[in-house]
Amino acid sequence: MSFLRLYLKYDGSVQRVAQETFVHRNTINYQLAKIKKILGNNLKTFEERFKIILAFEVRDVL
């Protein structure tokens, strides 16, 4: 599972993602910063997160 998907699943908890993936939280923060830069989205609001969660769900169905 991707860092972004886990980050959304655990409601933005970097610590929880780090525990789940056995990766240091600084690595998670670095990866999330890269993802946010690519998306042009800071993932702070529910609406921003919902769009990405919905995209993951659509991808799973297809």
PDB file of N, CA and C in Angstrom:
ATOM      1  N   MET A   1       0.849  -1.177   0.000  1.00  0.00           N
ATOM      2  CA  MET A   1       0.000   0.000   0.000  1.00  0.00           C
ATOM      3  C   MET A   1       0.893   1.237   0.000  1.00  0.00           C
ATOM      4  N   SER A   2       0.475   2.251  -0.720  1.00  0.00           N
ATOM      5  CA  SER A   2       1.293   3.455  -0.857  1.00  0.00           C
ATOM      6  C   SER A   2       1.252   4.313   0.410  1.00  0.00           C
ATOM      7  N   PHE A   3       2.283   5.128   0.543  1.00  0.00           N
ATOM      8  CA  PHE A   3       2.334   6.046   1.687  1.00  0.00           C
ATOM      9  C   PHE A   3       1.112   6.953   1.698  1.00  0.00           C
ATOM     10  N   LEU A   4       0.750   7.469   0.530  1.00  0.00           N
ATOM     11  CA  LEU A   4      -0.383   8.390   0.451  1.00  0.00           C
ATOM     12  C   LEU A   4      -1.674   7.707   0.880  1.00  0.00           C
ATOM     13  N   ARG A   5      -1.877   6.505   0.410  1.00  0.00           N
ATOM     14  CA  ARG A   5      -3.106   5.790   0.762  1.00  0.00           C
ATOM     15  C   ARG A   5      -3.174   5.513   2.264  1.00  0.00           C
ATOM     16  N   LEU A   6      -2.061   5.098   2.837  1.00  0.00           N
ATOM     17  CA  LEU A   6      -2.029   4.864   4.281  1.00  0.00           C
ATOM     18  C   LEU A   6      -2.205   6.168   5.051  1.00  0.00           C
ATOM     19  N   TYR A   7      -1.595   7.231   4.567  1.00  0.00           N
ATOM     20  CA  TYR A   7      -1.722   8.547   5.200  1.00  0.00           C
ATOM     21  C   TYR A   7      -3.186   8.974   5.245  1.00  0.00           C
ATOM     22  N   LEU A   8      -3.892   8.745   4.169  1.00  0.00           N
ATOM     23  CA  LEU A   8      -5.318   9.085   4.128  1.00  0.00           C
ATOM     24  C   LEU A   8      -6.127   8.132   5.000  1.00  0.00           C
ATOM     25  N   LYS A   9      -5.769   6.863   4.987  1.00  0.00           N
ATOM     26  CA  LYS A   9      -6.480   5.865   5.802  1.00  0.00           C
ATOM     27  C   LYS A   9      -6.387   6.188   7.287  1.00  0.00           C
ATOM     28  N   TYR A  10      -5.204   6.625   7.722  1.00  0.00           N
ATOM     29  CA  TYR A  10      -4.985   6.932   9.130  1.00  0.00           C
ATOM     30  C   TYR A  10      -5.174   8.417   9.438  1.00  0.00           C
ATOM     31  N   ASP A  11      -5.940   9.095   8.601  1.00  0.00           N
ATOM     32  CA  ASP A  11      -6.352  10.480   8.831  1.00  0.00           C
ATOM     33  C   ASP A  11      -5.175  11.425   9.081  1.00  0.00           C
ATOM     34  N   GLY A  12      -4.135  11.267   8.281  1.00  0.00           N
ATOM     35  CA  GLY A  12      -3.010  12.191   8.343  1.00  0.00           C
ATOM     36  C   GLY A  12      -2.001  11.913   9.447  1.00  0.00           C
ATOM     37  N   SER A  13      -2.004  10.734  10.007  1.00  0.00           N
ATOM     38  CA  SER A  13      -1.077  10.400  11.082  1.00  0.00           C
ATOM     39  C   SER A  13       0.216   9.824  10.508  1.00  0.00           C
ATOM     40  N   VAL A  14       1.261  10.650  10.497  1.00  0.00           N
ATOM     41  CA  VAL A  14       2.567  10.211   9.999  1.00  0.00           C
ATOM     42  C   VAL A  14       3.119   9.107  10.895  1.00  0.00           C
ATOM     43  N   GLN A  15       2.932   9.240  12.180  1.00  0.00           N
ATOM     44  CA  GLN A  15       3.428   8.233  13.128  1.00  0.00           C
ATOM     45  C   GLN A  15       2.801   6.868  12.856  1.00  0.00           C
ATOM     46  N   ARG A  16       1.529   6.845  12.603  1.00  0.00           N
ATOM     47  CA  ARG A  16       0.826   5.576  12.340  1.00  0.00           C
ATOM     48  C   ARG A  16       1.298   4.942  11.031  1.00  0.00           C
ATOM     49  N   VAL A  17       1.506   5.773  10.002  1.00  0.00           N
ATOM     50  CA  VAL A  17       2.024   5.267   8.726  1.00  0.00           C
ATOM     51  C   VAL A  17       3.420   4.681   8.930  1.00  0.00           C
ATOM     52  N   ALA A  18       4.245   5.367   9.708  1.00  0.00           N
ATOM     53  CA  ALA A  18       5.602   4.889   9.977  1.00  0.00           C
ATOM     54  C   ALA A  18       5.562   3.542  10.695  1.00  0.00           C
ATOM     55  N   GLN A  19       4.681   3.394  11.654  1.00  0.00           N
ATOM     56  CA  GLN A  19       4.554   2.123  12.373  1.00  0.00           C
ATOM     57  C   GLN A  19       4.078   1.011  11.441  1.00  0.00           C
ATOM     58  N   GLU A  20       3.135   1.327  10.602  1.00  0.00           N
ATOM     59  CA  GLU A  20       2.553   0.332   9.700  1.00  0.00           C
ATOM     60  C   GLU A  20       3.559  -0.155   8.652  1.00  0.00           C
ATOM     61  N   THR A  21       4.427   0.736   8.186  1.00  0.00           N
ATOM     62  CA  THR A  21       5.352   0.392   7.098  1.00  0.00           C
ATOM     63  C   THR A  21       6.763   0.087   7.583  1.00  0.00           C
ATOM     64  N   PHE A  22       6.997   0.238   8.878  1.00  0.00           N
ATOM     65  CA  PHE A  22       8.324   0.016   9.465  1.00  0.00           C
ATOM     66  C   PHE A  22       9.377   0.932   8.830  1.00  0.00           C
ATOM     67  N   VAL A  23       8.968   2.175   8.596  1.00  0.00           N
ATOM     68  CA  VAL A  23       9.837   3.191   8.011  1.00  0.00           C
ATOM     69  C   VAL A  23       9.886   4.363   8.977  1.00  0.00           C
ATOM     70  N   HIS A  24      11.037   5.028   9.055  1.00  0.00           N
ATOM     71  CA  HIS A  24      11.173   6.171   9.960  1.00  0.00           C
ATOM     72  C   HIS A  24      10.239   7.294   9.528  1.00  0.00           C
ATOM     73  N   ARG A  25       9.688   8.004  10.489  1.00  0.00           N
ATOM     74  CA  ARG A  25       8.707   9.048  10.175  1.00  0.00           C
ATOM     75  C   ARG A  25       9.288  10.183   9.338  1.00  0.00           C
ATOM     76  N   ASN A  26      10.594  10.436   9.436  1.00  0.00           N
ATOM     77  CA  ASN A  26      11.201  11.462   8.580  1.00  0.00           C
ATOM     78  C   ASN A  26      11.140  11.052   7.111  1.00  0.00           C
ATOM     79  N   THR A  27      11.272   9.765   6.859  1.00  0.00           N
ATOM     80  CA  THR A  27      11.149   9.262   5.495  1.00  0.00           C
ATOM     81  C   THR A  27       9.726   9.446   4.992  1.00  0.00           C
ATOM     82  N   ILE A  28       8.765   9.184   5.853  1.00  0.00           N
ATOM     83  CA  ILE A  28       7.356   9.385   5.490  1.00  0.00           C
ATOM     84  C   ILE A  28       7.109  10.857   5.185  1.00  0.00           C
ATOM     85  N   ASN A  29       7.600  11.741   6.043  1.00  0.00           N
ATOM     86  CA  ASN A  29       7.426  13.181   5.816  1.00  0.00           C
ATOM     87  C   ASN A  29       8.063  13.623   4.505  1.00  0.00           C
ATOM     88  N   TYR A  30       9.241  13.081   4.195  1.00  0.00           N
ATOM     89  CA  TYR A  30       9.918  13.419   2.951  1.00  0.00           C
ATOM     90  C   TYR A  30       9.095  12.962   1.744  1.00  0.00           C
ATOM     91  N   GLN A  31       8.618  11.731   1.791  1.00  0.00           N
ATOM     92  CA  GLN A  31       7.810  11.204   0.691  1.00  0.00           C
ATOM     93  C   GLN A  31       6.501  11.989   0.530  1.00  0.00           C
ATOM     94  N   LEU A  32       5.883  12.329   1.645  1.00  0.00           N
ATOM     95  CA  LEU A  32       4.637  13.100   1.578  1.00  0.00           C
ATOM     96  C   LEU A  32       4.874  14.491   1.020  1.00  0.00           C
ATOM     97  N   ALA A  33       6.000  15.103   1.348  1.00  0.00           N
ATOM     98  CA  ALA A  33       6.330  16.423   0.796  1.00  0.00           C
ATOM     99  C   ALA A  33       6.472  16.342  -0.719  1.00  0.00           C
ATOM    100  N   LYS A  34       7.099  15.278  -1.201  1.00  0.00           N
ATOM    101  CA  LYS A  34       7.230  15.093  -2.645  1.00  0.00           C
ATOM    102  C   LYS A  34       5.859  14.887  -3.297  1.00  0.00           C
ATOM    103  N   ILE A  35       5.020  14.086  -2.659  1.00  0.00           N
ATOM    104  CA  ILE A  35       3.676  13.828  -3.181  1.00  0.00           C
ATOM    105  C   ILE A  35       2.861  15.115  -3.222  1.00  0.00           C
ATOM    106  N   LYS A  36       2.916  15.880  -2.154  1.00  0.00           N
ATOM    107  CA  LYS A  36       2.164  17.138  -2.089  1.00  0.00           C
ATOM    108  C   LYS A  36       2.636  18.119  -3.149  1.00  0.00           C
ATOM    109  N   LYS A  37       3.933  18.156  -3.405  1.00  0.00           N
ATOM    110  CA  LYS A  37       4.476  19.051  -4.424  1.00  0.00           C
ATOM    111  C   LYS A  37       3.989  18.633  -5.808  1.00  0.00           C
ATOM    112  N   ILE A  38       4.003  17.339  -6.084  1.00  0.00           N
ATOM    113  CA  ILE A  38       3.543  16.840  -7.381  1.00  0.00           C
ATOM    114  C   ILE A  38       2.055  17.119  -7.573  1.00  0.00           C
ATOM    115  N   LEU A  39       1.268  16.872  -6.529  1.00  0.00           N
ATOM    116  CA  LEU A  39      -0.181  17.081  -6.616  1.00  0.00           C
ATOM    117  C   LEU A  39      -0.569  18.554  -6.586  1.00  0.00           C
ATOM    118  N   GLY A  40       0.302  19.394  -6.029  1.00  0.00           N
ATOM    119  CA  GLY A  40      -0.060  20.801  -5.848  1.00  0.00           C
ATOM    120  C   GLY A  40      -1.165  20.945  -4.827  1.00  0.00           C
ATOM    121  N   ASN A  41      -1.131  20.075  -3.833  1.00  0.00           N
ATOM    122  CA  ASN A  41      -2.204  19.972  -2.863  1.00  0.00           C
ATOM    123  C   ASN A  41      -1.578  19.682  -1.499  1.00  0.00           C
ATOM    124  N   ASN A  42      -1.981  20.411  -0.473  1.00  0.00           N
ATOM    125  CA  ASN A  42      -1.363  20.190   0.839  1.00  0.00           C
ATOM    126  C   ASN A  42      -2.116  19.187   1.710  1.00  0.00           C
ATOM    127  N   LEU A  43      -3.255  18.679   1.240  1.00  0.00           N
ATOM    128  CA  LEU A  43      -4.025  17.629   1.919  1.00  0.00           C
ATOM    129  C   LEU A  43      -4.491  18.010   3.320  1.00  0.00           C
ATOM    130  N   LYS A  44      -4.709  19.276   3.551  1.00  0.00           N
ATOM    131  CA  LYS A  44      -5.119  19.709   4.889  1.00  0.00           C
ATOM    132  C   LYS A  44      -6.632  19.674   5.088  1.00  0.00           C
ATOM    133  N   THR A  45      -7.380  19.957   4.037  1.00  0.00           N
ATOM    134  CA  THR A  45      -8.833  19.999   4.204  1.00  0.00           C
ATOM    135  C   THR A  45      -9.463  18.661   3.827  1.00  0.00           C
ATOM    136  N   PHE A  46     -10.638  18.444   4.350  1.00  0.00           N
ATOM    137  CA  PHE A  46     -11.371  17.220   4.052  1.00  0.00           C
ATOM    138  C   PHE A  46     -11.654  17.101   2.557  1.00  0.00           C
ATOM    139  N   GLU A  47     -11.997  18.203   1.909  1.00  0.00           N
ATOM    140  CA  GLU A  47     -12.320  18.180   0.489  1.00  0.00           C
ATOM    141  C   GLU A  47     -11.120  17.731  -0.348  1.00  0.00           C
ATOM    142  N   GLU A  48      -9.944  18.214   0.004  1.00  0.00           N
ATOM    143  CA  GLU A  48      -8.729  17.824  -0.720  1.00  0.00           C
ATOM    144  C   GLU A  48      -8.451  16.334  -0.542  1.00  0.00           C
ATOM    145  N   ARG A  49      -8.592  15.849   0.673  1.00  0.00           N
ATOM    146  CA  ARG A  49      -8.358  14.430   0.944  1.00  0.00           C
ATOM    147  C   ARG A  49      -9.420  13.557   0.283  1.00  0.00           C
ATOM    148  N   PHE A  50     -10.665  14.019   0.326  1.00  0.00           N
ATOM    149  CA  PHE A  50     -11.767  13.236  -0.226  1.00  0.00           C
ATOM    150  C   PHE A  50     -11.583  12.969  -1.710  1.00  0.00           C
ATOM    151  N   LYS A  51     -11.118  13.959  -2.448  1.00  0.00           N
ATOM    152  CA  LYS A  51     -10.902  13.785  -3.889  1.00  0.00           C
ATOM    153  C   LYS A  51      -9.906  12.658  -4.156  1.00  0.00           C
ATOM    154  N   ILE A  52      -8.866  12.588  -3.378  1.00  0.00           N
ATOM    155  CA  ILE A  52      -7.853  11.555  -3.590  1.00  0.00           C
ATOM    156  C   ILE A  52      -8.362  10.192  -3.121  1.00  0.00           C
ATOM    157  N   ILE A  53      -9.084  10.170  -1.996  1.00  0.00           N
ATOM    158  CA  ILE A  53      -9.681   8.913  -1.529  1.00  0.00           C
ATOM    159  C   ILE A  53     -10.646   8.372  -2.584  1.00  0.00           C
ATOM    160  N   LEU A  54     -11.452   9.250  -3.147  1.00  0.00           N
ATOM    161  CA  LEU A  54     -12.394   8.851  -4.188  1.00  0.00           C
ATOM    162  C   LEU A  54     -11.659   8.323  -5.419  1.00  0.00           C
ATOM    163  N   ALA A  55     -10.568   8.951  -5.802  1.00  0.00           N
ATOM    164  CA  ALA A  55      -9.779   8.483  -6.937  1.00  0.00           C
ATOM    165  C   ALA A  55      -9.232   7.076  -6.676  1.00  0.00           C
ATOM    166  N   PHE A  56      -8.760   6.818  -5.463  1.00  0.00           N
ATOM    167  CA  PHE A  56      -8.280   5.473  -5.102  1.00  0.00           C
ATOM    168  C   PHE A  56      -9.409   4.463  -5.202  1.00  0.00           C
ATOM    169  N   GLU A  57     -10.596   4.811  -4.727  1.00  0.00           N
ATOM    170  CA  GLU A  57     -11.719   3.894  -4.751  1.00  0.00           C
ATOM    171  C   GLU A  57     -12.146   3.587  -6.185  1.00  0.00           C
ATOM    172  N   VAL A  58     -12.178   4.600  -7.036  1.00  0.00           N
ATOM    173  CA  VAL A  58     -12.538   4.398  -8.445  1.00  0.00           C
ATOM    174  C   VAL A  58     -11.523   3.492  -9.112  1.00  0.00           C
ATOM    175  N   ARG A  59     -10.245   3.729  -8.836  1.00  0.00           N
ATOM    176  CA  ARG A  59      -9.186   2.891  -9.406  1.00  0.00           C
ATOM    177  C   ARG A  59      -9.346   1.427  -8.978  1.00  0.00           C
ATOM    178  N   ASP A  60      -9.725   1.219  -7.737  1.00  0.00           N
ATOM    179  CA  ASP A  60      -9.922  -0.150  -7.251  1.00  0.00           C
ATOM    180  C   ASP A  60     -11.076  -0.854  -7.964  1.00  0.00           C
ATOM    181  N   VAL A  61     -12.113  -0.106  -8.273  1.00  0.00           N
ATOM    182  CA  VAL A  61     -13.281  -0.692  -8.935  1.00  0.00           C
ATOM    183  C   VAL A  61     -12.946  -1.040 -10.371  1.00  0.00           C
ATOM    184  N   LEU A  62     -12.193  -0.181 -11.017  1.00  0.00           N
ATOM    185  CA  LEU A  62     -11.846  -0.444 -12.430  1.00  0.00           C
ATOM    186  C   LEU A  62     -10.754  -1.453 -12.470  1.00  0.00           C
TER     187      LEU A  62
END
